[in-house]
Amino acid sequence: MVDDAQIRVRLDGLRTEHRDLDDAIAALAFAVTPDQLQMARLKKRKLRLRDEIAMLEDQLIPDIIA
């Protein structure tokens, strides 16, 4: 089982990568001839990261029995 500290470290790394992808997508968009295929790949990777971040954040929130 993965403990909370490991999840938080992984989350920090994923959030950093997500921000880096934002910067890369923005830089690619302002290029003279933007590579649409590369931009689509970066956006797809960014969405996968967002989903993984959400999944890990859900693991950190304790289940509450109502």
C-alpha atoms as a PDB file:
ATOM      1  CA  MET A   1       0.000   0.000   0.000  1.00  0.00           C
ATOM      2  CA  VAL A   2       1.258   3.470  -0.858  1.00  0.00           C
ATOM      3  CA  ASP A   3       1.343   5.934   2.040  1.00  0.00           C
ATOM      4  CA  ASP A   4       0.223   9.564   1.956  1.00  0.00           C
ATOM      5  CA  ALA A   5       3.766  10.941   1.811  1.00  0.00           C
ATOM      6  CA  GLN A   6       4.524   8.974  -1.359  1.00  0.00           C
ATOM      7  CA  ILE A   7       1.260  10.120  -2.920  1.00  0.00           C
ATOM      8  CA  ARG A   8       2.066  13.756  -2.102  1.00  0.00           C
ATOM      9  CA  VAL A   9       5.533  13.447  -3.660  1.00  0.00           C
ATOM     10  CA  ARG A  10       4.023  11.918  -6.800  1.00  0.00           C
ATOM     11  CA  LEU A  11       1.379  14.674  -6.896  1.00  0.00           C
ATOM     12  CA  ASP A  12       4.053  17.372  -6.698  1.00  0.00           C
ATOM     13  CA  GLY A  13       5.892  15.814  -9.625  1.00  0.00           C
ATOM     14  CA  LEU A  14       2.733  15.485 -11.707  1.00  0.00           C
ATOM     15  CA  ARG A  15       1.681  19.063 -10.997  1.00  0.00           C
ATOM     16  CA  THR A  16       5.119  20.303 -12.042  1.00  0.00           C
ATOM     17  CA  GLU A  17       4.951  18.308 -15.265  1.00  0.00           C
ATOM     18  CA  HIS A  18       1.415  19.634 -15.883  1.00  0.00           C
ATOM     19  CA  ARG A  19       2.643  23.247 -15.534  1.00  0.00           C
ATOM     20  CA  ASP A  20       5.609  22.502 -17.800  1.00  0.00           C
ATOM     21  CA  LEU A  21       3.240  21.165 -20.439  1.00  0.00           C
ATOM     22  CA  ASP A  22       1.224  24.387 -20.171  1.00  0.00           C
ATOM     23  CA  ASP A  23       4.380  26.345 -20.936  1.00  0.00           C
ATOM     24  CA  ALA A  24       5.354  24.042 -23.802  1.00  0.00           C
ATOM     25  CA  ILE A  25       1.891  24.246 -25.369  1.00  0.00           C
ATOM     26  CA  ALA A  26       1.887  28.033 -25.081  1.00  0.00           C
ATOM     27  CA  ALA A  27       5.339  28.287 -26.655  1.00  0.00           C
ATOM     28  CA  LEU A  28       4.327  25.959 -29.469  1.00  0.00           C
ATOM     29  CA  ALA A  29       1.163  27.964 -30.109  1.00  0.00           C
ATOM     30  CA  PHE A  30       3.188  31.143 -30.638  1.00  0.00           C
ATOM     31  CA  ALA A  31       5.605  29.501 -33.082  1.00  0.00           C
ATOM     32  CA  VAL A  32       5.596  30.802 -36.646  1.00  0.00           C
ATOM     33  CA  THR A  33       4.372  27.438 -37.907  1.00  0.00           C
ATOM     34  CA  PRO A  34       2.962  25.523 -34.932  1.00  0.00           C
ATOM     35  CA  ASP A  35       3.236  21.744 -35.127  1.00  0.00           C
ATOM     36  CA  GLN A  36      -0.403  20.724 -34.702  1.00  0.00           C
ATOM     37  CA  LEU A  37       0.432  17.049 -34.177  1.00  0.00           C
ATOM     38  CA  GLN A  38       2.921  17.823 -31.421  1.00  0.00           C
ATOM     39  CA  MET A  39       0.450  20.233 -29.809  1.00  0.00           C
ATOM     40  CA  ALA A  40      -2.268  17.561 -29.835  1.00  0.00           C
ATOM     41  CA  ARG A  41       0.112  15.068 -28.209  1.00  0.00           C
ATOM     42  CA  LEU A  42       1.058  17.537 -25.497  1.00  0.00           C
ATOM     43  CA  LYS A  43      -2.590  18.342 -24.795  1.00  0.00           C
ATOM     44  CA  LYS A  44      -3.441  14.644 -24.593  1.00  0.00           C
ATOM     45  CA  ARG A  45      -0.574  14.069 -22.167  1.00  0.00           C
ATOM     46  CA  LYS A  46      -1.769  17.036 -20.101  1.00  0.00           C
ATOM     47  CA  LEU A  47      -5.272  15.518 -19.868  1.00  0.00           C
ATOM     48  CA  ARG A  48      -3.846  12.179 -18.741  1.00  0.00           C
ATOM     49  CA  LEU A  49      -1.838  13.974 -16.070  1.00  0.00           C
ATOM     50  CA  ARG A  50      -4.947  15.840 -14.901  1.00  0.00           C
ATOM     51  CA  ASP A  51      -6.807  12.528 -14.552  1.00  0.00           C
ATOM     52  CA  GLU A  52      -3.935  10.950 -12.618  1.00  0.00           C
ATOM     53  CA  ILE A  53      -3.702  13.998 -10.343  1.00  0.00           C
ATOM     54  CA  ALA A  54      -7.434  13.768  -9.616  1.00  0.00           C
ATOM     55  CA  MET A  55      -7.158  10.045  -8.855  1.00  0.00           C
ATOM     56  CA  LEU A  56      -4.275  10.589  -6.426  1.00  0.00           C
ATOM     57  CA  GLU A  57      -6.045  13.496  -4.736  1.00  0.00           C
ATOM     58  CA  ASP A  58      -9.058  11.233  -4.214  1.00  0.00           C
ATOM     59  CA  GLN A  59      -6.792   8.689  -2.493  1.00  0.00           C
ATOM     60  CA  LEU A  60      -5.688  11.349  -0.009  1.00  0.00           C
ATOM     61  CA  ILE A  61      -9.260  12.219   0.992  1.00  0.00           C
ATOM     62  CA  PRO A  62     -10.504   9.764   3.606  1.00  0.00           C
ATOM     63  CA  ASP A  63     -13.719   7.896   2.918  1.00  0.00           C
ATOM     64  CA  ILE A  64     -16.547   9.139   5.091  1.00  0.00           C
ATOM     65  CA  ILE A  65     -19.296   6.712   5.890  1.00  0.00           C
ATOM     66  CA  ALA A  66     -22.567   8.611   5.845  1.00  0.00           C
END
